[in-house]
Amino acid sequence: MNIIITIIVGAIAGWLADLAFKRFSFSTLYQIGLGIAGAFVGSFLFEGEFHSLLGLPVFIGRVIEAFIGAAVILGLIILYRRLTDKS
């Protein structure tokens, strides 16, 4: 059951991150993967306690954590592309 919740949170967070960064247009599978990776990054950054910091329900806090983690990942991708662009 926990893996299903992680996939749902990842799908929502990946979709939100894809909307926030209009530069990318990922397929649904990439959005889910990005969101799941973002969930790990966000959980590492906030130690899984983001919901208690703001007094939010756990599910919403995890979606926000995953979104922030996905945004960090996309930001690093943008930075890497700018640094390696030869044009």
N, C-alpha and C. Protein backbone atom coordinates (compact mmCIF):
# COMPACT_ATOMS: atom_id res chain seq x y z
N MET A 1 0.81 -1.19 0.00
CA MET A 1 0.00 0.00 0.00
C MET A 1 0.86 1.26 0.00
N ASN A 2 1.98 1.23 0.69
CA ASN A 2 2.87 2.38 0.76
C ASN A 2 3.44 2.74 -0.60
N ILE A 3 3.74 1.73 -1.44
CA ILE A 3 4.30 2.00 -2.76
C ILE A 3 3.26 2.68 -3.65
N ILE A 4 1.99 2.34 -3.47
CA ILE A 4 0.93 2.98 -4.25
C ILE A 4 0.82 4.45 -3.87
N ILE A 5 0.90 4.74 -2.60
CA ILE A 5 0.84 6.13 -2.14
C ILE A 5 2.05 6.91 -2.66
N THR A 6 3.22 6.28 -2.66
CA THR A 6 4.42 6.94 -3.18
C THR A 6 4.27 7.24 -4.66
N ILE A 7 3.69 6.34 -5.42
CA ILE A 7 3.49 6.57 -6.85
C ILE A 7 2.48 7.69 -7.07
N ILE A 8 1.41 7.71 -6.28
CA ILE A 8 0.42 8.78 -6.41
C ILE A 8 1.02 10.13 -6.06
N VAL A 9 1.75 10.18 -4.96
CA VAL A 9 2.42 11.43 -4.57
C VAL A 9 3.43 11.83 -5.64
N GLY A 10 4.19 10.87 -6.16
CA GLY A 10 5.16 11.16 -7.21
C GLY A 10 4.51 11.67 -8.47
N ALA A 11 3.37 11.09 -8.84
CA ALA A 11 2.67 11.54 -10.05
C ALA A 11 2.18 12.98 -9.89
N ILE A 12 1.62 13.28 -8.75
CA ILE A 12 1.12 14.64 -8.51
C ILE A 12 2.27 15.64 -8.48
N ALA A 13 3.32 15.31 -7.75
CA ALA A 13 4.46 16.24 -7.63
C ALA A 13 5.19 16.40 -8.96
N GLY A 14 5.35 15.31 -9.71
CA GLY A 14 6.00 15.40 -11.01
C GLY A 14 5.20 16.24 -11.99
N TRP A 15 3.88 16.08 -11.95
CA TRP A 15 3.02 16.87 -12.82
C TRP A 15 3.11 18.35 -12.46
N LEU A 16 3.09 18.66 -11.15
CA LEU A 16 3.19 20.05 -10.71
C LEU A 16 4.54 20.66 -11.08
N ALA A 17 5.60 19.89 -10.91
CA ALA A 17 6.94 20.39 -11.26
C ALA A 17 7.05 20.61 -12.76
N ASP A 18 6.44 19.73 -13.55
CA ASP A 18 6.46 19.89 -15.00
C ASP A 18 5.68 21.13 -15.41
N LEU A 19 4.61 21.44 -14.71
CA LEU A 19 3.86 22.67 -14.99
C LEU A 19 4.65 23.90 -14.58
N ALA A 20 5.35 23.83 -13.47
CA ALA A 20 6.10 24.98 -12.97
C ALA A 20 7.27 25.32 -13.88
N PHE A 21 7.94 24.30 -14.41
CA PHE A 21 9.07 24.50 -15.30
C PHE A 21 8.56 24.24 -16.72
N LYS A 22 8.07 25.27 -17.39
CA LYS A 22 7.47 25.12 -18.72
C LYS A 22 8.51 24.72 -19.77
N ARG A 23 9.76 24.82 -19.43
CA ARG A 23 10.83 24.50 -20.36
C ARG A 23 10.82 23.01 -20.74
N PHE A 24 10.37 22.17 -19.82
CA PHE A 24 10.33 20.74 -20.04
C PHE A 24 8.90 20.33 -20.35
N SER A 25 8.76 19.30 -21.15
CA SER A 25 7.44 18.73 -21.40
C SER A 25 7.61 17.22 -21.38
N PHE A 26 7.51 16.65 -20.18
CA PHE A 26 7.78 15.24 -19.99
C PHE A 26 6.52 14.41 -20.20
N SER A 27 6.74 13.15 -20.54
CA SER A 27 5.62 12.21 -20.60
C SER A 27 5.20 11.85 -19.18
N THR A 28 4.10 11.16 -19.07
CA THR A 28 3.56 10.81 -17.76
C THR A 28 4.53 9.94 -16.96
N LEU A 29 5.19 9.01 -17.63
CA LEU A 29 6.15 8.15 -16.92
C LEU A 29 7.33 8.94 -16.39
N TYR A 30 7.82 9.90 -17.17
CA TYR A 30 8.91 10.74 -16.68
C TYR A 30 8.44 11.61 -15.51
N GLN A 31 7.20 12.10 -15.59
CA GLN A 31 6.68 12.91 -14.50
C GLN A 31 6.59 12.10 -13.21
N ILE A 32 6.12 10.85 -13.31
CA ILE A 32 6.04 10.00 -12.13
C ILE A 32 7.44 9.72 -11.58
N GLY A 33 8.37 9.40 -12.46
CA GLY A 33 9.75 9.14 -12.03
C GLY A 33 10.38 10.36 -11.40
N LEU A 34 10.14 11.52 -12.01
CA LEU A 34 10.67 12.77 -11.46
C LEU A 34 10.07 13.04 -10.09
N GLY A 35 8.77 12.80 -9.96
CA GLY A 35 8.11 13.03 -8.68
C GLY A 35 8.59 12.09 -7.59
N ILE A 36 8.81 10.82 -7.95
CA ILE A 36 9.32 9.86 -6.97
C ILE A 36 10.74 10.22 -6.55
N ALA A 37 11.58 10.59 -7.54
CA ALA A 37 12.93 11.04 -7.20
C ALA A 37 12.87 12.31 -6.36
N GLY A 38 11.94 13.20 -6.71
CA GLY A 38 11.75 14.43 -5.94
C GLY A 38 11.29 14.14 -4.53
N ALA A 39 10.49 13.08 -4.37
CA ALA A 39 10.05 12.71 -3.02
C ALA A 39 11.23 12.29 -2.16
N PHE A 40 12.18 11.58 -2.75
CA PHE A 40 13.37 11.19 -1.99
C PHE A 40 14.22 12.41 -1.65
N VAL A 41 14.40 13.32 -2.63
CA VAL A 41 15.20 14.52 -2.38
C VAL A 41 14.51 15.41 -1.35
N GLY A 42 13.21 15.61 -1.50
CA GLY A 42 12.47 16.45 -0.56
C GLY A 42 12.46 15.85 0.84
N SER A 43 12.33 14.53 0.91
CA SER A 43 12.36 13.87 2.21
C SER A 43 13.72 14.03 2.87
N PHE A 44 14.78 13.99 2.05
CA PHE A 44 16.13 14.19 2.58
C PHE A 44 16.31 15.63 3.06
N LEU A 45 15.79 16.59 2.29
CA LEU A 45 15.95 18.00 2.65
C LEU A 45 15.17 18.38 3.90
N PHE A 46 13.95 17.86 4.02
CA PHE A 46 13.09 18.25 5.13
C PHE A 46 12.95 17.17 6.19
N GLU A 47 13.64 16.07 6.01
CA GLU A 47 13.62 14.94 6.94
C GLU A 47 12.21 14.44 7.21
N GLY A 48 11.33 14.55 6.21
CA GLY A 48 9.98 14.02 6.31
C GLY A 48 9.09 14.75 7.29
N GLU A 49 9.46 15.94 7.71
CA GLU A 49 8.69 16.66 8.72
C GLU A 49 8.13 17.98 8.21
N PHE A 50 8.00 18.12 6.89
CA PHE A 50 7.50 19.37 6.33
C PHE A 50 6.07 19.63 6.74
N HIS A 51 5.27 18.57 6.79
CA HIS A 51 3.86 18.75 7.16
C HIS A 51 3.70 19.27 8.59
N SER A 52 4.58 18.84 9.48
CA SER A 52 4.47 19.33 10.86
C SER A 52 4.99 20.76 11.00
N LEU A 53 5.89 21.18 10.12
CA LEU A 53 6.38 22.56 10.16
C LEU A 53 5.27 23.56 9.86
N LEU A 54 4.40 23.20 8.90
CA LEU A 54 3.35 24.11 8.49
C LEU A 54 1.97 23.73 9.01
N GLY A 55 1.88 22.61 9.72
CA GLY A 55 0.60 22.19 10.25
C GLY A 55 -0.35 21.66 9.19
N LEU A 56 0.20 21.05 8.15
CA LEU A 56 -0.60 20.52 7.05
C LEU A 56 -0.89 19.04 7.27
N PRO A 57 -1.92 18.52 6.58
CA PRO A 57 -2.11 17.07 6.58
C PRO A 57 -0.88 16.37 5.97
N VAL A 58 -0.63 15.15 6.38
CA VAL A 58 0.58 14.43 5.97
C VAL A 58 0.65 14.30 4.45
N PHE A 59 -0.44 13.93 3.80
CA PHE A 59 -0.42 13.72 2.36
C PHE A 59 -0.05 15.00 1.62
N ILE A 60 -0.64 16.12 1.99
CA ILE A 60 -0.34 17.39 1.32
C ILE A 60 1.10 17.80 1.59
N GLY A 61 1.57 17.59 2.80
CA GLY A 61 2.97 17.90 3.12
C GLY A 61 3.93 17.07 2.30
N ARG A 62 3.60 15.81 2.08
CA ARG A 62 4.48 14.95 1.27
C ARG A 62 4.47 15.36 -0.19
N VAL A 63 3.31 15.78 -0.69
CA VAL A 63 3.26 16.27 -2.08
C VAL A 63 4.11 17.52 -2.23
N ILE A 64 4.04 18.43 -1.26
CA ILE A 64 4.85 19.65 -1.33
C ILE A 64 6.33 19.32 -1.21
N GLU A 65 6.68 18.40 -0.32
CA GLU A 65 8.08 17.95 -0.22
C GLU A 65 8.57 17.39 -1.54
N ALA A 66 7.76 16.53 -2.15
CA ALA A 66 8.15 15.91 -3.41
C ALA A 66 8.24 16.95 -4.52
N PHE A 67 7.33 17.94 -4.51
CA PHE A 67 7.39 19.00 -5.51
C PHE A 67 8.68 19.81 -5.37
N ILE A 68 9.02 20.17 -4.15
CA ILE A 68 10.25 20.93 -3.92
C ILE A 68 11.47 20.11 -4.34
N GLY A 69 11.47 18.82 -4.01
CA GLY A 69 12.56 17.95 -4.44
C GLY A 69 12.65 17.85 -5.94
N ALA A 70 11.49 17.72 -6.62
CA ALA A 70 11.50 17.66 -8.09
C ALA A 70 11.96 18.98 -8.69
N ALA A 71 11.58 20.10 -8.06
CA ALA A 71 12.03 21.41 -8.54
C ALA A 71 13.54 21.55 -8.38
N VAL A 72 14.09 21.02 -7.30
CA VAL A 72 15.55 21.03 -7.11
C VAL A 72 16.22 20.22 -8.22
N ILE A 73 15.68 19.06 -8.52
CA ILE A 73 16.25 18.21 -9.58
C ILE A 73 16.19 18.94 -10.92
N LEU A 74 15.04 19.52 -11.25
CA LEU A 74 14.92 20.25 -12.52
C LEU A 74 15.83 21.47 -12.56
N GLY A 75 15.98 22.14 -11.43
CA GLY A 75 16.91 23.27 -11.36
C GLY A 75 18.35 22.85 -11.62
N LEU A 76 18.72 21.70 -11.08
CA LEU A 76 20.07 21.19 -11.32
C LEU A 76 20.26 20.78 -12.79
N ILE A 77 19.21 20.25 -13.41
CA ILE A 77 19.29 19.90 -14.82
C ILE A 77 19.47 21.16 -15.67
N ILE A 78 18.72 22.21 -15.34
CA ILE A 78 18.86 23.48 -16.07
C ILE A 78 20.25 24.06 -15.89
N LEU A 79 20.76 24.03 -14.67
CA LEU A 79 22.11 24.54 -14.40
C LEU A 79 23.15 23.74 -15.16
N TYR A 80 23.01 22.42 -15.17
CA TYR A 80 23.96 21.57 -15.89
C TYR A 80 23.93 21.87 -17.39
N ARG A 81 22.74 22.05 -17.94
CA ARG A 81 22.63 22.34 -19.37
C ARG A 81 23.26 23.69 -19.71
N ARG A 82 23.08 24.67 -18.84
CA ARG A 82 23.68 26.00 -19.09
C ARG A 82 25.21 25.93 -19.01
N LEU A 83 25.72 25.16 -18.07
CA LEU A 83 27.17 25.09 -17.90
C LEU A 83 27.85 24.30 -19.02
N THR A 84 27.12 23.33 -19.58
CA THR A 84 27.73 22.50 -20.62
C THR A 84 27.36 22.95 -22.03
N ASP A 85 26.59 24.01 -22.15
CA ASP A 85 26.19 24.51 -23.48
C ASP A 85 27.39 25.18 -24.13
N LYS A 86 27.74 24.71 -25.32
CA LYS A 86 28.92 25.23 -26.02
C LYS A 86 28.59 26.40 -26.93
N SER A 87 27.31 26.73 -27.13
CA SER A 87 26.96 27.79 -28.07
C SER A 87 27.21 29.16 -27.52
